C-alpha atoms as a PDB file:
ATOM      1  CA  ALA A   1    -207.536 -17.903  52.246  1.00  0.00           C
ATOM      2  CA  ARG A   2    -207.888 -18.727  55.955  1.00  0.00           C
ATOM      3  CA  LEU A   3    -208.692 -15.075  56.579  1.00  0.00           C
ATOM      4  CA  LEU A   4    -211.777 -15.336  54.411  1.00  0.00           C
ATOM      5  CA  GLU A   5    -213.146 -18.583  55.816  1.00  0.00           C
ATOM      6  CA  ILE A   6    -216.243 -16.887  57.179  1.00  0.00           C
ATOM      7  CA  PRO A   7    -219.630 -18.623  57.281  1.00  0.00           C
ATOM      8  CA  GLY A   8    -221.908 -17.197  54.612  1.00  0.00           C
ATOM      9  CA  VAL A   9    -219.092 -15.572  52.640  1.00  0.00           C
ATOM     10  CA  LEU A  10    -218.464 -16.828  49.127  1.00  0.00           C
ATOM     11  CA  VAL A  11    -214.875 -16.225  48.045  1.00  0.00           C
ATOM     12  CA  GLU A  12    -213.835 -16.008  44.416  1.00  0.00           C
ATOM     13  CA  ALA A  13    -210.078 -15.878  43.933  1.00  0.00           C
ATOM     14  CA  VAL A  14    -208.319 -14.509  40.883  1.00  0.00           C
ATOM     15  CA  SER A  15    -204.612 -14.337  40.205  1.00  0.00           C
ATOM     16  CA  SER A  16    -204.140 -10.846  38.784  1.00  0.00           C
ATOM     17  CA  GLY A  17    -205.530  -7.344  38.670  1.00  0.00           C
ATOM     18  CA  GLU A  18    -206.641  -7.899  35.096  1.00  0.00           C
ATOM     19  CA  GLU A  19    -208.654 -10.986  36.114  1.00  0.00           C
ATOM     20  CA  CYS A  20    -210.248  -9.015  38.940  1.00  0.00           C
ATOM     21  CA  ILE A  21    -211.287  -6.245  36.566  1.00  0.00           C
ATOM     22  CA  ASP A  22    -212.668  -8.769  34.058  1.00  0.00           C
ATOM     23  CA  ALA A  23    -214.661 -10.558  36.792  1.00  0.00           C
ATOM     24  CA  CYS A  24    -216.080  -7.256  38.013  1.00  0.00           C
ATOM     25  CA  ARG A  25    -217.294  -6.261  34.553  1.00  0.00           C
ATOM     26  CA  SER A  26    -220.117  -8.806  34.861  1.00  0.00           C
ATOM     27  CA  SER A  27    -220.719  -8.851  38.617  1.00  0.00           C
ATOM     28  CA  SER A  28    -220.629  -6.630  41.657  1.00  0.00           C
ATOM     29  CA  PRO A  29    -218.995  -8.329  44.642  1.00  0.00           C
ATOM     30  CA  ASP A  30    -219.672  -7.300  48.232  1.00  0.00           C
ATOM     31  CA  LEU A  31    -215.967  -6.669  48.863  1.00  0.00           C
ATOM     32  CA  ILE A  32    -212.679  -6.848  46.963  1.00  0.00           C
ATOM     33  CA  MET A  33    -209.286  -7.669  48.478  1.00  0.00           C
ATOM     34  CA  LEU A  34    -206.230  -6.820  46.415  1.00  0.00           C
ATOM     35  CA  ASP A  35    -202.578  -7.384  47.031  1.00  0.00           C
ATOM     36  CA  LEU A  36    -200.606  -4.215  46.446  1.00  0.00           C
ATOM     37  CA  LEU A  37    -197.986  -6.126  44.454  1.00  0.00           C
ATOM     38  CA  MET A  38    -199.706  -8.573  42.090  1.00  0.00           C
ATOM     39  CA  SER A  39    -198.673 -10.114  38.819  1.00  0.00           C
ATOM     40  CA  GLY A  40    -199.722  -7.840  35.981  1.00  0.00           C
ATOM     41  CA  ILE A  41    -201.065  -4.493  37.091  1.00  0.00           C
ATOM     42  CA  SER A  42    -200.691  -3.383  40.714  1.00  0.00           C
ATOM     43  CA  GLY A  43    -203.359  -3.100  43.377  1.00  0.00           C
ATOM     44  CA  PHE A  44    -203.163   0.679  42.898  1.00  0.00           C
ATOM     45  CA  GLU A  45    -203.951   0.469  39.190  1.00  0.00           C
ATOM     46  CA  THR A  46    -206.638  -2.175  39.729  1.00  0.00           C
ATOM     47  CA  THR A  47    -208.329   0.063  42.303  1.00  0.00           C
ATOM     48  CA  ARG A  48    -208.219   3.031  39.934  1.00  0.00           C
ATOM     49  CA  VAL A  49    -209.823   1.049  37.091  1.00  0.00           C
ATOM     50  CA  LEU A  50    -212.482  -0.475  39.370  1.00  0.00           C
ATOM     51  CA  ARG A  51    -213.475   2.934  40.732  1.00  0.00           C
ATOM     52  CA  GLU A  52    -214.036   4.141  37.171  1.00  0.00           C
ATOM     53  CA  MET A  53    -216.741   1.465  36.746  1.00  0.00           C
ATOM     54  CA  HIS A  54    -220.051   2.981  37.816  1.00  0.00           C
ATOM     55  CA  HIS A  55    -221.344  -0.181  39.536  1.00  0.00           C
ATOM     56  CA  MET A  56    -218.096  -0.556  41.514  1.00  0.00           C
ATOM     57  CA  ARG A  57    -217.936   2.900  43.075  1.00  0.00           C
ATOM     58  CA  ASP A  58    -219.390   1.854  46.438  1.00  0.00           C
ATOM     59  CA  VAL A  59    -217.898  -1.643  46.707  1.00  0.00           C
ATOM     60  CA  PRO A  60    -215.341  -1.738  49.552  1.00  0.00           C
ATOM     61  CA  ILE A  61    -211.805  -2.340  48.284  1.00  0.00           C
ATOM     62  CA  VAL A  62    -209.201  -3.598  50.746  1.00  0.00           C
ATOM     63  CA  ILE A  63    -205.553  -3.443  49.746  1.00  0.00           C
ATOM     64  CA  VAL A  64    -203.143  -5.699  51.614  1.00  0.00           C
ATOM     65  CA  THR A  65    -199.375  -5.588  51.474  1.00  0.00           C
ATOM     66  CA  SER A  66    -196.327  -7.250  52.919  1.00  0.00           C
ATOM     67  CA  LYS A  67    -194.188  -4.183  52.180  1.00  0.00           C
ATOM     68  CA  SER A  68    -192.571  -2.804  55.295  1.00  0.00           C
ATOM     69  CA  ASN A  69    -191.283   0.475  53.905  1.00  0.00           C
ATOM     70  CA  ASN A  70    -193.241   3.490  52.633  1.00  0.00           C
ATOM     71  CA  THR A  71    -196.487   2.043  54.007  1.00  0.00           C
ATOM     72  CA  HIS A  72    -197.807   5.463  55.060  1.00  0.00           C
ATOM     73  CA  SER A  73    -197.356   6.955  51.586  1.00  0.00           C
ATOM     74  CA  ASP A  74    -198.711   3.730  49.986  1.00  0.00           C
ATOM     75  CA  GLN A  75    -201.774   3.929  52.234  1.00  0.00           C
ATOM     76  CA  ASN A  76    -202.365   7.585  51.345  1.00  0.00           C
ATOM     77  CA  TRP A  77    -202.004   6.779  47.640  1.00  0.00           C
ATOM     78  CA  ALA A  78    -204.375   3.792  47.906  1.00  0.00           C
ATOM     79  CA  GLU A  79    -207.004   5.814  49.760  1.00  0.00           C
ATOM     80  CA  GLY A  80    -206.664   8.626  47.226  1.00  0.00           C
ATOM     81  CA  LEU A  81    -207.480   6.131  44.473  1.00  0.00           C
ATOM     82  CA  GLY A  82    -210.556   4.939  46.351  1.00  0.00           C
ATOM     83  CA  ALA A  83    -209.404   2.036  48.530  1.00  0.00           C
ATOM     84  CA  THR A  84    -211.606   1.625  51.591  1.00  0.00           C
ATOM     85  CA  ALA A  85    -208.940   0.005  53.778  1.00  0.00           C
ATOM     86  CA  PHE A  86    -205.212  -0.673  53.694  1.00  0.00           C
ATOM     87  CA  LEU A  87    -203.955  -3.609  55.757  1.00  0.00           C
ATOM     88  CA  LEU A  88    -200.501  -4.968  56.441  1.00  0.00           C
ATOM     89  CA  LYS A  89    -200.096  -8.720  56.044  1.00  0.00           C
ATOM     90  CA  SER A  90    -197.988  -8.651  59.201  1.00  0.00           C
ATOM     91  CA  ALA A  91    -201.054  -7.621  61.242  1.00  0.00           C
ATOM     92  CA  PRO A  92    -202.616 -10.326  63.407  1.00  0.00           C
ATOM     93  CA  TRP A  93    -205.118 -12.488  61.493  1.00  0.00           C
ATOM     94  CA  GLU A  94    -207.917 -11.636  63.893  1.00  0.00           C
ATOM     95  CA  GLU A  95    -207.375  -7.901  63.402  1.00  0.00           C
ATOM     96  CA  MET A  96    -207.546  -8.308  59.630  1.00  0.00           C
ATOM     97  CA  ARG A  97    -210.590 -10.554  59.904  1.00  0.00           C
ATOM     98  CA  CYS A  98    -212.381  -8.000  62.123  1.00  0.00           C
ATOM     99  CA  SER A  99    -211.710  -5.240  59.591  1.00  0.00           C
ATOM    100  CA  ILE A 100    -213.169  -7.353  56.804  1.00  0.00           C
ATOM    101  CA  LEU A 101    -216.204  -8.353  58.870  1.00  0.00           C
ATOM    102  CA  LYS A 102    -216.881  -4.689  59.656  1.00  0.00           C
ATOM    103  CA  LEU A 103    -216.773  -3.828  55.963  1.00  0.00           C
ATOM    104  CA  LEU A 104    -219.028  -6.777  55.092  1.00  0.00           C
ATOM    105  CA  GLY A 105    -221.409  -5.753  57.891  1.00  0.00           C
ATOM    106  CA  HIS A 106    -221.528  -2.249  56.457  1.00  0.00           C
ATOM    107  CA  VAL A 107    -222.450  -3.709  53.062  1.00  0.00           C
ATOM    108  CA  ALA A 108    -225.123  -5.935  54.659  1.00  0.00           C
ATOM    109  CA  SER A 109    -226.698  -3.032  56.563  1.00  0.00           C
ATOM    110  CA  GLU A 110    -226.829  -0.900  53.429  1.00  0.00           C
ATOM    111  CA  ALA A 111    -228.571  -3.743  51.568  1.00  0.00           C
ATOM    112  CA  LYS A 112    -231.160  -4.106  54.358  1.00  0.00           C
ATOM    113  CA  SER A 113    -232.010  -0.405  54.316  1.00  0.00           C
ATOM    114  CA  ALA A 114    -232.413  -0.288  50.507  1.00  0.00           C
END
């Protein structure tokens, strides 16, 4: 949660992929962060379902993981399903925060030009 303590950013936390999908049926967030290994369906499956929703196709999806093995193949799989970024939880907080801010900035600039 500390990672997302950014002024002007409203964070809505859910506890599973299913809850994320349900929440996204009625809203379109600016960014979604998913853990690769969640209770219920995985971050992979959640990403796949979200990308099938027309209004979610352009929403950045960040997958984070604490896995230390097979990260390259996991990253390729995640990106193939439509994830925008794949971050390791072992990365420095500031590096992760910068990645998220860049994605949120990209969303903000697209909104301004629309």
